[in-house]
Every structure is written in structure tokens, then in C-alpha cells.
C-alpha atoms as a PDB file:
ATOM      1  CA  UNK A   1      23.466  97.359   5.296  1.00  0.00           C
ATOM      2  CA  UNK A   2      26.712  99.361   5.459  1.00  0.00           C
ATOM      3  CA  UNK A   3      27.469 102.203   3.074  1.00  0.00           C
ATOM      4  CA  UNK A   4      30.412 100.227   1.655  1.00  0.00           C
ATOM      5  CA  UNK A   5      28.237  97.184   1.038  1.00  0.00           C
ATOM      6  CA  UNK A   6      25.506  99.274  -0.634  1.00  0.00           C
ATOM      7  CA  UNK A   7      28.153 100.856  -2.872  1.00  0.00           C
ATOM      8  CA  UNK A   8      29.525  97.456  -3.766  1.00  0.00           C
ATOM      9  CA  UNK A   9      26.090  96.111  -4.601  1.00  0.00           C
ATOM     10  CA  UNK A  10      25.326  99.163  -6.759  1.00  0.00           C
ATOM     11  CA  UNK A  11      28.615  98.646  -8.602  1.00  0.00           C
ATOM     12  CA  UNK A  12      27.875  95.006  -9.246  1.00  0.00           C
ATOM     13  CA  UNK A  13      24.331  95.761 -10.334  1.00  0.00           C
ATOM     14  CA  UNK A  14      25.811  98.139 -12.881  1.00  0.00           C
ATOM     15  CA  UNK A  15      28.412  95.562 -13.865  1.00  0.00           C
ATOM     16  CA  UNK A  16      25.733  92.960 -14.536  1.00  0.00           C
ATOM     17  CA  UNK A  17      23.367  95.236 -16.448  1.00  0.00           C
ATOM     18  CA  UNK A  18      22.922  93.874 -19.963  1.00  0.00           C
ATOM     19  CA  UNK A  19      24.197  95.797 -22.947  1.00  0.00           C
ATOM     20  CA  UNK A  20      21.614  95.477 -25.699  1.00  0.00           C
ATOM     21  CA  UNK A  21      24.217  94.946 -28.414  1.00  0.00           C
ATOM     22  CA  UNK A  22      26.260  92.218 -26.699  1.00  0.00           C
ATOM     23  CA  UNK A  23      26.054  88.840 -28.432  1.00  0.00           C
ATOM     24  CA  UNK A  24      28.081  85.854 -27.258  1.00  0.00           C
ATOM     25  CA  UNK A  25      29.243  84.600 -30.629  1.00  0.00           C
ATOM     26  CA  UNK A  26      29.834  88.118 -31.856  1.00  0.00           C
ATOM     27  CA  UNK A  27      32.429  88.863 -29.164  1.00  0.00           C
ATOM     28  CA  UNK A  28      35.528  90.410 -30.723  1.00  0.00           C
ATOM     29  CA  UNK A  29      38.825  88.600 -31.010  1.00  0.00           C
ATOM     30  CA  UNK A  30      41.941  90.169 -29.552  1.00  0.00           C
ATOM     31  CA  UNK A  31      43.328  92.933 -31.740  1.00  0.00           C
ATOM     32  CA  UNK A  32      46.906  94.019 -32.255  1.00  0.00           C
ATOM     33  CA  UNK A  33      49.935  92.587 -30.529  1.00  0.00           C
ATOM     34  CA  UNK A  34      49.512  89.883 -27.895  1.00  0.00           C
ATOM     35  CA  UNK A  35      51.901  87.863 -25.754  1.00  0.00           C
ATOM     36  CA  UNK A  36      53.882  85.097 -27.418  1.00  0.00           C
ATOM     37  CA  UNK A  37      53.200  81.618 -26.122  1.00  0.00           C
ATOM     38  CA  UNK A  38      56.686  81.506 -24.653  1.00  0.00           C
ATOM     39  CA  UNK A  39      59.221  78.773 -24.064  1.00  0.00           C
ATOM     40  CA  UNK A  40      58.530  75.122 -24.819  1.00  0.00           C
ATOM     41  CA  UNK A  41      57.216  72.920 -22.036  1.00  0.00           C
ATOM     42  CA  UNK A  42      60.160  71.165 -20.330  1.00  0.00           C
ATOM     43  CA  UNK A  43      60.578  67.460 -20.980  1.00  0.00           C
ATOM     44  CA  UNK A  44      61.154  66.777 -17.288  1.00  0.00           C
ATOM     45  CA  UNK A  45      60.364  68.489 -13.992  1.00  0.00           C
ATOM     46  CA  UNK A  46      62.065  67.439 -10.743  1.00  0.00           C
ATOM     47  CA  UNK A  47      63.559  64.493 -12.616  1.00  0.00           C
ATOM     48  CA  UNK A  48      60.167  63.203 -13.794  1.00  0.00           C
ATOM     49  CA  UNK A  49      58.688  63.215 -17.316  1.00  0.00           C
ATOM     50  CA  UNK A  50      56.496  66.312 -17.397  1.00  0.00           C
ATOM     51  CA  UNK A  51      53.184  64.477 -17.698  1.00  0.00           C
ATOM     52  CA  UNK A  52      54.100  62.103 -14.852  1.00  0.00           C
ATOM     53  CA  UNK A  53      54.929  65.174 -12.767  1.00  0.00           C
ATOM     54  CA  UNK A  54      51.515  66.648 -13.563  1.00  0.00           C
ATOM     55  CA  UNK A  55      49.689  63.403 -12.721  1.00  0.00           C
ATOM     56  CA  UNK A  56      51.516  63.191  -9.390  1.00  0.00           C
ATOM     57  CA  UNK A  57      51.061  66.795  -8.277  1.00  0.00           C
ATOM     58  CA  UNK A  58      48.274  68.597 -10.160  1.00  0.00           C
ATOM     59  CA  UNK A  59      44.761  68.680  -8.696  1.00  0.00           C
ATOM     60  CA  UNK A  60      42.486  70.301 -11.225  1.00  0.00           C
ATOM     61  CA  UNK A  61      39.763  72.786 -10.326  1.00  0.00           C
ATOM     62  CA  UNK A  62      36.782  70.775  -9.089  1.00  0.00           C
ATOM     63  CA  UNK A  63      38.572  67.435  -9.187  1.00  0.00           C
ATOM     64  CA  UNK A  64      37.962  66.846  -5.472  1.00  0.00           C
ATOM     65  CA  UNK A  65      34.377  68.140  -5.668  1.00  0.00           C
ATOM     66  CA  UNK A  66      33.660  65.632  -8.435  1.00  0.00           C
ATOM     67  CA  UNK A  67      35.384  62.921  -6.368  1.00  0.00           C
ATOM     68  CA  UNK A  68      33.340  63.601  -3.222  1.00  0.00           C
ATOM     69  CA  UNK A  69      30.053  64.985  -4.528  1.00  0.00           C
ATOM     70  CA  UNK A  70      29.992  63.280  -7.923  1.00  0.00           C
ATOM     71  CA  UNK A  71      29.308  64.664 -11.371  1.00  0.00           C
ATOM     72  CA  UNK A  72      25.744  63.817 -12.329  1.00  0.00           C
ATOM     73  CA  UNK A  73      25.734  66.060 -15.378  1.00  0.00           C
ATOM     74  CA  UNK A  74      24.485  64.666 -18.678  1.00  0.00           C
ATOM     75  CA  UNK A  75      24.205  66.080 -22.192  1.00  0.00           C
ATOM     76  CA  UNK A  76      20.678  67.126 -21.216  1.00  0.00           C
ATOM     77  CA  UNK A  77      21.719  68.937 -18.026  1.00  0.00           C
ATOM     78  CA  UNK A  78      24.588  70.638 -19.861  1.00  0.00           C
ATOM     79  CA  UNK A  79      22.150  71.897 -22.477  1.00  0.00           C
ATOM     80  CA  UNK A  80      19.741  73.062 -19.764  1.00  0.00           C
ATOM     81  CA  UNK A  81      22.573  74.839 -17.907  1.00  0.00           C
ATOM     82  CA  UNK A  82      23.250  76.914 -20.995  1.00  0.00           C
ATOM     83  CA  UNK A  83      19.555  77.865 -21.139  1.00  0.00           C
ATOM     84  CA  UNK A  84      19.091  78.471 -17.396  1.00  0.00           C
ATOM     85  CA  UNK A  85      18.019  82.110 -16.832  1.00  0.00           C
ATOM     86  CA  UNK A  86      20.948  84.071 -15.473  1.00  0.00           C
ATOM     87  CA  UNK A  87      20.153  86.110 -12.363  1.00  0.00           C
ATOM     88  CA  UNK A  88      21.848  89.264 -11.181  1.00  0.00           C
ATOM     89  CA  UNK A  89      21.949  91.060  -7.824  1.00  0.00           C
ATOM     90  CA  UNK A  90      18.589  91.346  -6.015  1.00  0.00           C
ATOM     91  CA  UNK A  91      17.066  88.688  -8.253  1.00  0.00           C
ATOM     92  CA  UNK A  92      16.587  90.506 -11.525  1.00  0.00           C
ATOM     93  CA  UNK A  93      16.985  88.394 -14.642  1.00  0.00           C
ATOM     94  CA  UNK A  94      19.844  88.766 -17.086  1.00  0.00           C
ATOM     95  CA  UNK A  95      19.176  87.814 -20.685  1.00  0.00           C
ATOM     96  CA  UNK A  96      22.698  86.841 -21.742  1.00  0.00           C
ATOM     97  CA  UNK A  97      25.571  84.719 -20.491  1.00  0.00           C
ATOM     98  CA  UNK A  98      29.034  83.745 -21.720  1.00  0.00           C
ATOM     99  CA  UNK A  99      30.467  80.239 -22.053  1.00  0.00           C
ATOM    100  CA  UNK A 100      33.991  79.315 -20.985  1.00  0.00           C
ATOM    101  CA  UNK A 101      36.273  76.501 -19.834  1.00  0.00           C
ATOM    102  CA  UNK A 102      38.979  75.928 -17.259  1.00  0.00           C
ATOM    103  CA  UNK A 103      42.111  73.831 -17.731  1.00  0.00           C
ATOM    104  CA  UNK A 104      45.101  72.547 -15.784  1.00  0.00           C
ATOM    105  CA  UNK A 105      48.268  70.637 -16.542  1.00  0.00           C
ATOM    106  CA  UNK A 106      46.167  67.549 -17.267  1.00  0.00           C
ATOM    107  CA  UNK A 107      45.005  69.104 -20.557  1.00  0.00           C
ATOM    108  CA  UNK A 108      48.578  69.647 -21.779  1.00  0.00           C
ATOM    109  CA  UNK A 109      48.926  71.918 -24.792  1.00  0.00           C
ATOM    110  CA  UNK A 110      45.380  73.082 -25.496  1.00  0.00           C
ATOM    111  CA  UNK A 111      43.938  73.564 -28.987  1.00  0.00           C
ATOM    112  CA  UNK A 112      42.498  77.000 -28.312  1.00  0.00           C
ATOM    113  CA  UNK A 113      41.226  77.477 -31.857  1.00  0.00           C
ATOM    114  CA  UNK A 114      39.019  74.431 -31.350  1.00  0.00           C
ATOM    115  CA  UNK A 115      37.472  75.784 -28.158  1.00  0.00           C
ATOM    116  CA  UNK A 116      36.992  79.217 -29.699  1.00  0.00           C
ATOM    117  CA  UNK A 117      35.107  77.466 -32.489  1.00  0.00           C
ATOM    118  CA  UNK A 118      32.932  75.806 -29.833  1.00  0.00           C
ATOM    119  CA  UNK A 119      31.797  79.225 -28.615  1.00  0.00           C
ATOM    120  CA  UNK A 120      34.022  79.473 -25.530  1.00  0.00           C
ATOM    121  CA  UNK A 121      34.964  83.075 -24.859  1.00  0.00           C
ATOM    122  CA  UNK A 122      36.830  82.903 -21.542  1.00  0.00           C
ATOM    123  CA  UNK A 123      39.186  80.522 -19.776  1.00  0.00           C
ATOM    124  CA  UNK A 124      40.691  80.038 -16.351  1.00  0.00           C
ATOM    125  CA  UNK A 125      44.082  78.315 -16.320  1.00  0.00           C
ATOM    126  CA  UNK A 126      45.664  76.624 -13.329  1.00  0.00           C
ATOM    127  CA  UNK A 127      48.868  78.368 -12.308  1.00  0.00           C
ATOM    128  CA  UNK A 128      49.856  76.975  -8.913  1.00  0.00           C
ATOM    129  CA  UNK A 129      49.063  74.674  -5.992  1.00  0.00           C
ATOM    130  CA  UNK A 130      50.213  75.245  -2.423  1.00  0.00           C
ATOM    131  CA  UNK A 131      53.738  76.671  -2.523  1.00  0.00           C
ATOM    132  CA  UNK A 132      55.398  73.791  -4.349  1.00  0.00           C
ATOM    133  CA  UNK A 133      53.709  73.275  -7.712  1.00  0.00           C
ATOM    134  CA  UNK A 134      53.510  75.372 -10.864  1.00  0.00           C
ATOM    135  CA  UNK A 135      51.604  74.098 -13.907  1.00  0.00           C
ATOM    136  CA  UNK A 136      54.315  73.464 -16.548  1.00  0.00           C
ATOM    137  CA  UNK A 137      51.728  74.082 -19.304  1.00  0.00           C
ATOM    138  CA  UNK A 138      50.594  77.417 -17.871  1.00  0.00           C
ATOM    139  CA  UNK A 139      52.407  79.586 -20.441  1.00  0.00           C
ATOM    140  CA  UNK A 140      50.934  77.777 -23.456  1.00  0.00           C
ATOM    141  CA  UNK A 141      47.469  77.689 -21.930  1.00  0.00           C
ATOM    142  CA  UNK A 142      47.384  81.226 -20.545  1.00  0.00           C
ATOM    143  CA  UNK A 143      48.909  82.985 -23.546  1.00  0.00           C
ATOM    144  CA  UNK A 144      47.294  80.668 -26.074  1.00  0.00           C
ATOM    145  CA  UNK A 145      43.800  81.464 -24.796  1.00  0.00           C
ATOM    146  CA  UNK A 146      44.639  85.188 -24.957  1.00  0.00           C
ATOM    147  CA  UNK A 147      46.029  84.920 -28.473  1.00  0.00           C
ATOM    148  CA  UNK A 148      42.887  83.276 -29.832  1.00  0.00           C
ATOM    149  CA  UNK A 149      40.772  86.114 -28.403  1.00  0.00           C
ATOM    150  CA  UNK A 150      39.566  84.783 -25.048  1.00  0.00           C
ATOM    151  CA  UNK A 151      39.459  86.701 -21.792  1.00  0.00           C
ATOM    152  CA  UNK A 152      41.518  84.609 -19.398  1.00  0.00           C
ATOM    153  CA  UNK A 153      42.644  84.372 -15.809  1.00  0.00           C
ATOM    154  CA  UNK A 154      44.670  82.071 -13.576  1.00  0.00           C
ATOM    155  CA  UNK A 155      43.655  80.042 -10.539  1.00  0.00           C
ATOM    156  CA  UNK A 156      45.405  78.672  -7.462  1.00  0.00           C
ATOM    157  CA  UNK A 157      44.538  75.334  -5.809  1.00  0.00           C
ATOM    158  CA  UNK A 158      44.734  76.009  -2.069  1.00  0.00           C
ATOM    159  CA  UNK A 159      46.436  73.666   0.397  1.00  0.00           C
ATOM    160  CA  UNK A 160      45.632  75.507   3.650  1.00  0.00           C
ATOM    161  CA  UNK A 161      47.484  73.064   5.901  1.00  0.00           C
ATOM    162  CA  UNK A 162      50.807  73.566   4.110  1.00  0.00           C
ATOM    163  CA  UNK A 163      51.496  77.296   4.508  1.00  0.00           C
ATOM    164  CA  UNK A 164      49.775  80.595   5.210  1.00  0.00           C
ATOM    165  CA  UNK A 165      47.228  82.198   2.927  1.00  0.00           C
ATOM    166  CA  UNK A 166      49.555  85.150   2.359  1.00  0.00           C
ATOM    167  CA  UNK A 167      52.452  82.852   1.401  1.00  0.00           C
ATOM    168  CA  UNK A 168      50.275  81.045  -1.130  1.00  0.00           C
ATOM    169  CA  UNK A 169      48.944  84.328  -2.532  1.00  0.00           C
ATOM    170  CA  UNK A 170      52.535  85.499  -3.080  1.00  0.00           C
ATOM    171  CA  UNK A 171      53.485  82.194  -4.704  1.00  0.00           C
ATOM    172  CA  UNK A 172      50.468  82.492  -7.015  1.00  0.00           C
ATOM    173  CA  UNK A 173      51.023  86.131  -8.008  1.00  0.00           C
ATOM    174  CA  UNK A 174      54.713  85.514  -8.698  1.00  0.00           C
ATOM    175  CA  UNK A 175      53.989  82.491 -10.929  1.00  0.00           C
ATOM    176  CA  UNK A 176      51.192  83.532 -13.238  1.00  0.00           C
ATOM    177  CA  UNK A 177      48.424  84.812 -10.981  1.00  0.00           C
ATOM    178  CA  UNK A 178      48.982  88.543 -11.376  1.00  0.00           C
ATOM    179  CA  UNK A 179      46.447  90.897 -12.960  1.00  0.00           C
ATOM    180  CA  UNK A 180      46.569  93.747 -15.478  1.00  0.00           C
ATOM    181  CA  UNK A 181      43.888  96.155 -16.651  1.00  0.00           C
ATOM    182  CA  UNK A 182      44.040  95.187 -20.331  1.00  0.00           C
ATOM    183  CA  UNK A 183      40.429  94.097 -20.769  1.00  0.00           C
ATOM    184  CA  UNK A 184      41.564  90.492 -21.330  1.00  0.00           C
ATOM    185  CA  UNK A 185      42.741  89.428 -17.849  1.00  0.00           C
ATOM    186  CA  UNK A 186      40.365  88.260 -15.123  1.00  0.00           C
ATOM    187  CA  UNK A 187      41.218  88.542 -11.417  1.00  0.00           C
ATOM    188  CA  UNK A 188      42.925  85.462 -10.038  1.00  0.00           C
ATOM    189  CA  UNK A 189      40.739  82.731  -8.563  1.00  0.00           C
ATOM    190  CA  UNK A 190      41.244  80.912  -5.258  1.00  0.00           C
ATOM    191  CA  UNK A 191      40.185  77.254  -5.506  1.00  0.00           C
ATOM    192  CA  UNK A 192      38.779  76.101  -2.129  1.00  0.00           C
ATOM    193  CA  UNK A 193      37.658  72.486  -2.140  1.00  0.00           C
ATOM    194  CA  UNK A 194      38.053  69.085  -0.507  1.00  0.00           C
ATOM    195  CA  UNK A 195      41.522  68.055   0.659  1.00  0.00           C
ATOM    196  CA  UNK A 196      43.041  65.581  -1.820  1.00  0.00           C
ATOM    197  CA  UNK A 197      45.402  64.293   0.876  1.00  0.00           C
ATOM    198  CA  UNK A 198      43.277  63.883   4.011  1.00  0.00           C
ATOM    199  CA  UNK A 199      40.708  65.576   6.239  1.00  0.00           C
ATOM    200  CA  UNK A 200      37.992  67.490   4.382  1.00  0.00           C
ATOM    201  CA  UNK A 201      38.770  70.833   6.037  1.00  0.00           C
ATOM    202  CA  UNK A 202      42.568  70.391   6.159  1.00  0.00           C
ATOM    203  CA  UNK A 203      42.461  70.026   9.946  1.00  0.00           C
ATOM    204  CA  UNK A 204      41.139  73.554  10.444  1.00  0.00           C
ATOM    205  CA  UNK A 205      38.124  74.800  12.360  1.00  0.00           C
ATOM    206  CA  UNK A 206      35.587  76.909  10.471  1.00  0.00           C
ATOM    207  CA  UNK A 207      37.000  80.082  12.003  1.00  0.00           C
ATOM    208  CA  UNK A 208      40.536  78.925  11.235  1.00  0.00           C
ATOM    209  CA  UNK A 209      39.643  78.297   7.597  1.00  0.00           C
ATOM    210  CA  UNK A 210      37.943  81.684   7.377  1.00  0.00           C
ATOM    211  CA  UNK A 211      41.109  83.318   8.708  1.00  0.00           C
ATOM    212  CA  UNK A 212      43.239  81.429   6.158  1.00  0.00           C
ATOM    213  CA  UNK A 213      41.041  82.533   3.245  1.00  0.00           C
ATOM    214  CA  UNK A 214      41.076  86.114   4.517  1.00  0.00           C
ATOM    215  CA  UNK A 215      44.876  86.010   4.681  1.00  0.00           C
ATOM    216  CA  UNK A 216      45.031  84.968   1.013  1.00  0.00           C
ATOM    217  CA  UNK A 217      42.222  87.353   0.002  1.00  0.00           C
ATOM    218  CA  UNK A 218      43.843  90.376   1.637  1.00  0.00           C
ATOM    219  CA  UNK A 219      47.346  89.589   0.394  1.00  0.00           C
ATOM    220  CA  UNK A 220      46.140  89.068  -3.180  1.00  0.00           C
ATOM    221  CA  UNK A 221      44.393  92.441  -3.038  1.00  0.00           C
ATOM    222  CA  UNK A 222      47.496  94.118  -1.639  1.00  0.00           C
ATOM    223  CA  UNK A 223      49.621  92.664  -4.456  1.00  0.00           C
ATOM    224  CA  UNK A 224      47.247  93.239  -7.392  1.00  0.00           C
ATOM    225  CA  UNK A 225      44.596  95.785  -6.399  1.00  0.00           C
ATOM    226  CA  UNK A 226      41.879  93.190  -7.104  1.00  0.00           C
ATOM    227  CA  UNK A 227      39.953  90.876  -4.826  1.00  0.00           C
ATOM    228  CA  UNK A 228      40.239  87.225  -5.840  1.00  0.00           C
ATOM    229  CA  UNK A 229      37.371  85.228  -7.258  1.00  0.00           C
ATOM    230  CA  UNK A 230      36.505  82.403  -4.830  1.00  0.00           C
ATOM    231  CA  UNK A 231      35.728  78.992  -6.333  1.00  0.00           C
ATOM    232  CA  UNK A 232      33.977  76.434  -4.125  1.00  0.00           C
ATOM    233  CA  UNK A 233      30.967  74.181  -3.706  1.00  0.00           C
ATOM    234  CA  UNK A 234      28.125  74.961  -1.322  1.00  0.00           C
ATOM    235  CA  UNK A 235      28.621  71.648   0.484  1.00  0.00           C
ATOM    236  CA  UNK A 236      32.356  72.128   1.133  1.00  0.00           C
ATOM    237  CA  UNK A 237      31.915  75.762   2.180  1.00  0.00           C
ATOM    238  CA  UNK A 238      29.121  74.878   4.613  1.00  0.00           C
ATOM    239  CA  UNK A 239      31.296  72.241   6.259  1.00  0.00           C
ATOM    240  CA  UNK A 240      34.524  74.208   6.483  1.00  0.00           C
ATOM    241  CA  UNK A 241      33.980  77.998   6.524  1.00  0.00           C
ATOM    242  CA  UNK A 242      31.971  80.369   8.730  1.00  0.00           C
ATOM    243  CA  UNK A 243      33.042  83.699   7.212  1.00  0.00           C
ATOM    244  CA  UNK A 244      31.415  86.016   4.689  1.00  0.00           C
ATOM    245  CA  UNK A 245      33.354  87.188   1.600  1.00  0.00           C
ATOM    246  CA  UNK A 246      30.325  88.168  -0.460  1.00  0.00           C
ATOM    247  CA  UNK A 247      31.031  91.908  -0.196  1.00  0.00           C
ATOM    248  CA  UNK A 248      34.356  91.647  -2.036  1.00  0.00           C
ATOM    249  CA  UNK A 249      34.973  88.292  -3.740  1.00  0.00           C
ATOM    250  CA  UNK A 250      33.028  87.215  -6.850  1.00  0.00           C
ATOM    251  CA  UNK A 251      31.635  83.692  -6.428  1.00  0.00           C
ATOM    252  CA  UNK A 252      32.491  80.822  -8.756  1.00  0.00           C
ATOM    253  CA  UNK A 253      30.225  77.979  -7.695  1.00  0.00           C
ATOM    254  CA  UNK A 254      30.643  74.324  -8.648  1.00  0.00           C
ATOM    255  CA  UNK A 255      27.486  72.262  -9.148  1.00  0.00           C
ATOM    256  CA  UNK A 256      27.290  69.631 -11.836  1.00  0.00           C
ATOM    257  CA  UNK A 257      23.599  69.794 -12.606  1.00  0.00           C
ATOM    258  CA  UNK A 258      21.045  71.730 -14.663  1.00  0.00           C
ATOM    259  CA  UNK A 259      20.896  74.667 -12.213  1.00  0.00           C
ATOM    260  CA  UNK A 260      23.366  76.191  -9.734  1.00  0.00           C
ATOM    261  CA  UNK A 261      21.127  75.483  -6.722  1.00  0.00           C
ATOM    262  CA  UNK A 262      21.631  76.956  -3.266  1.00  0.00           C
ATOM    263  CA  UNK A 263      24.715  79.160  -3.098  1.00  0.00           C
ATOM    264  CA  UNK A 264      27.297  79.309  -0.290  1.00  0.00           C
ATOM    265  CA  UNK A 265      26.611  81.515   2.716  1.00  0.00           C
ATOM    266  CA  UNK A 266      25.491  85.076   1.973  1.00  0.00           C
ATOM    267  CA  UNK A 267      26.327  85.149  -1.742  1.00  0.00           C
ATOM    268  CA  UNK A 268      23.128  86.326  -3.403  1.00  0.00           C
ATOM    269  CA  UNK A 269      24.232  85.407  -6.919  1.00  0.00           C
ATOM    270  CA  UNK A 270      27.091  83.690  -8.701  1.00  0.00           C
ATOM    271  CA  UNK A 271      29.547  85.285 -11.112  1.00  0.00           C
ATOM    272  CA  UNK A 272      30.734  81.997 -12.631  1.00  0.00           C
ATOM    273  CA  UNK A 273      29.138  78.548 -12.500  1.00  0.00           C
ATOM    274  CA  UNK A 274      31.048  75.338 -13.280  1.00  0.00           C
ATOM    275  CA  UNK A 275      28.242  73.064 -14.405  1.00  0.00           C
ATOM    276  CA  UNK A 276      30.084  69.959 -15.593  1.00  0.00           C
ATOM    277  CA  UNK A 277      33.513  68.339 -15.560  1.00  0.00           C
ATOM    278  CA  UNK A 278      32.767  66.261 -18.666  1.00  0.00           C
ATOM    279  CA  UNK A 279      34.204  66.194 -21.331  1.00  0.00           C
ATOM    280  CA  UNK A 280      36.133  69.167 -19.903  1.00  0.00           C
ATOM    281  CA  UNK A 281      35.218  71.728 -17.229  1.00  0.00           C
ATOM    282  CA  UNK A 282      32.504  73.958 -18.696  1.00  0.00           C
ATOM    283  CA  UNK A 283      31.639  77.262 -17.046  1.00  0.00           C
ATOM    284  CA  UNK A 284      29.107  80.022 -17.518  1.00  0.00           C
ATOM    285  CA  UNK A 285      29.589  83.705 -16.762  1.00  0.00           C
ATOM    286  CA  UNK A 286      26.458  85.273 -15.290  1.00  0.00           C
ATOM    287  CA  UNK A 287      26.034  88.234 -17.646  1.00  0.00           C
ATOM    288  CA  UNK A 288      26.661  89.512 -21.151  1.00  0.00           C
ATOM    289  CA  UNK A 289      30.057  89.679 -22.832  1.00  0.00           C
ATOM    290  CA  UNK A 290      30.553  93.375 -22.119  1.00  0.00           C
ATOM    291  CA  UNK A 291      30.040  92.669 -18.411  1.00  0.00           C
ATOM    292  CA  UNK A 292      32.801  90.043 -18.577  1.00  0.00           C
ATOM    293  CA  UNK A 293      35.063  92.722 -20.051  1.00  0.00           C
ATOM    294  CA  UNK A 294      33.999  95.038 -17.207  1.00  0.00           C
ATOM    295  CA  UNK A 295      35.000  92.386 -14.654  1.00  0.00           C
ATOM    296  CA  UNK A 296      38.365  92.002 -16.369  1.00  0.00           C
ATOM    297  CA  UNK A 297      38.924  95.753 -16.276  1.00  0.00           C
ATOM    298  CA  UNK A 298      38.011  96.035 -12.606  1.00  0.00           C
END
């Protein structure tokens, strides 16, 4: 194992160590000034009513995984997912986790007070897709989750056959995917999943897809100083990618069941787990609340 990789693993081990005083429902709300929710959502986009525009262009995080792999979650599996022992680097058990959600344009204006009341303490909000779509509800969702006290981040739905990884990273950063060390902003997430328009791997070889992800990954780091979170399913990754990003990119794994199961190549643990898409996308952070703050702070 390289010195850099050992250092990274030591840092993550420290980041996932449990703070004895951290309690999920006791996590503090945001204090002091916070961003306003911003301008109203436009009535039309590209000549279409805004919700028609969203339905035509917005592919939510995990939508294609649920379409291809199915969502077999039930109330029982969702309850078990919340009780599943969280595991950190090298297999040691973590005794706390944090619940969150992710949203896209399909959710419209979100009632963040409701989800806070349901115990959700973080959110990922869709910002962009390819280089041609920006979620028209992003401002309300991104700032609204912050204002209620959640730690939040943005995600980008990749279309690797449309433009380069670097071009899509720039589009994302410039339209809501940037990062700041304020303790409330998570690094941006790159959504890698089945092609909603055609071939599973977007017409790319495994090495070609690896190169595309690396192009995005490196450009996002150059723009923000953070490595992106990578969201994917084990099945899609195994079919389409042959590279290893485990030394830099936190893993957000999608598996709609009572346990996360086998992880994609060479990731020894997950950072986030999307365990159902019903009634909304529910996610679990693999660690205590103070470790989520540590991830936000970088």
C-alpha cells in the first residue's frame, strides 16, 4: 500500500471515529445568518411549463437503477436499513449513523420543515444533468435544506456520451455544484448510473468510462479543492468501469434492500447508502453526526 493511500485511510479512519456525545436527533440547527431561498421558480423554461420541462429532462438520482435493477424495499427493509450496523474502514463497527434524503426537480418546492421533523439531517439536491439541464427548483431545495438546519450538497447526473467529464464538471460547479468550508456544505456528488437514453454504458468501453470519470473527478478537484462523492450501484459499476477511485472519492452506493451488500470494486466501505426510492429517496450516512460535519469541512 502506498504512503498516500495509507495516509488517506488513516484520515478516513479518524473521520469515521465516533464521538461519544453525537446523537442524531440532537444535531444542532443552523445558527445565525443563512442564505435566502432566492428568486421564485420560473413559470416556464425553454417555452415549456416548468414541471413539464422537469418531466421531460430531469433524471433523478437512482431513477435508472430502480428502472433496471428494481426497488424491492419494503417498510420492513427500510426499518432494518436504519438498524444495520454501520461499518468503518478495516471493518470496525460504528455505533451511529445519520439519516438523509435526496431530491430533484420532480419534488418541486420541498417542505424542509417536514423532513427535519422526520429526523433527516442531510440532503443532496440535484443541480445539473449533462451540459444542458439545470434543476429549476435547485435554489429552493438547496437553500431551504440549509435554512432548516440540514447539511446539504448538490449532485450531477452524468451523460458521458454528450460531452467530456471536465466540461460537465465545469457546468456543475458553475450551476450549484461548488463547495465551501462552512460546515454545512457537502462535496458535490457525481451520479453514475444506467443510460436513460440507450446503451447501458453510454457506448463506452470500461477503460473509456474510467477515463471519463477521472476527467470529471480531476476537474472537480481542480475547481473546488474537494474530490467528488461517486454515486453508483455495484451492478452498473461492474459492467461499465474498470478503474479504482477508492483512494479519493467517497462512495455513495445504491441498493434498495435491508443491507448495502457487495460494494463496487475496491471500496472497502460506503460513506452514503441509498436504501430505498420509496416514498422518497432515503439515505444513510455511515457515521455519527460530527463525522458528517467533518466530511462537509473537508
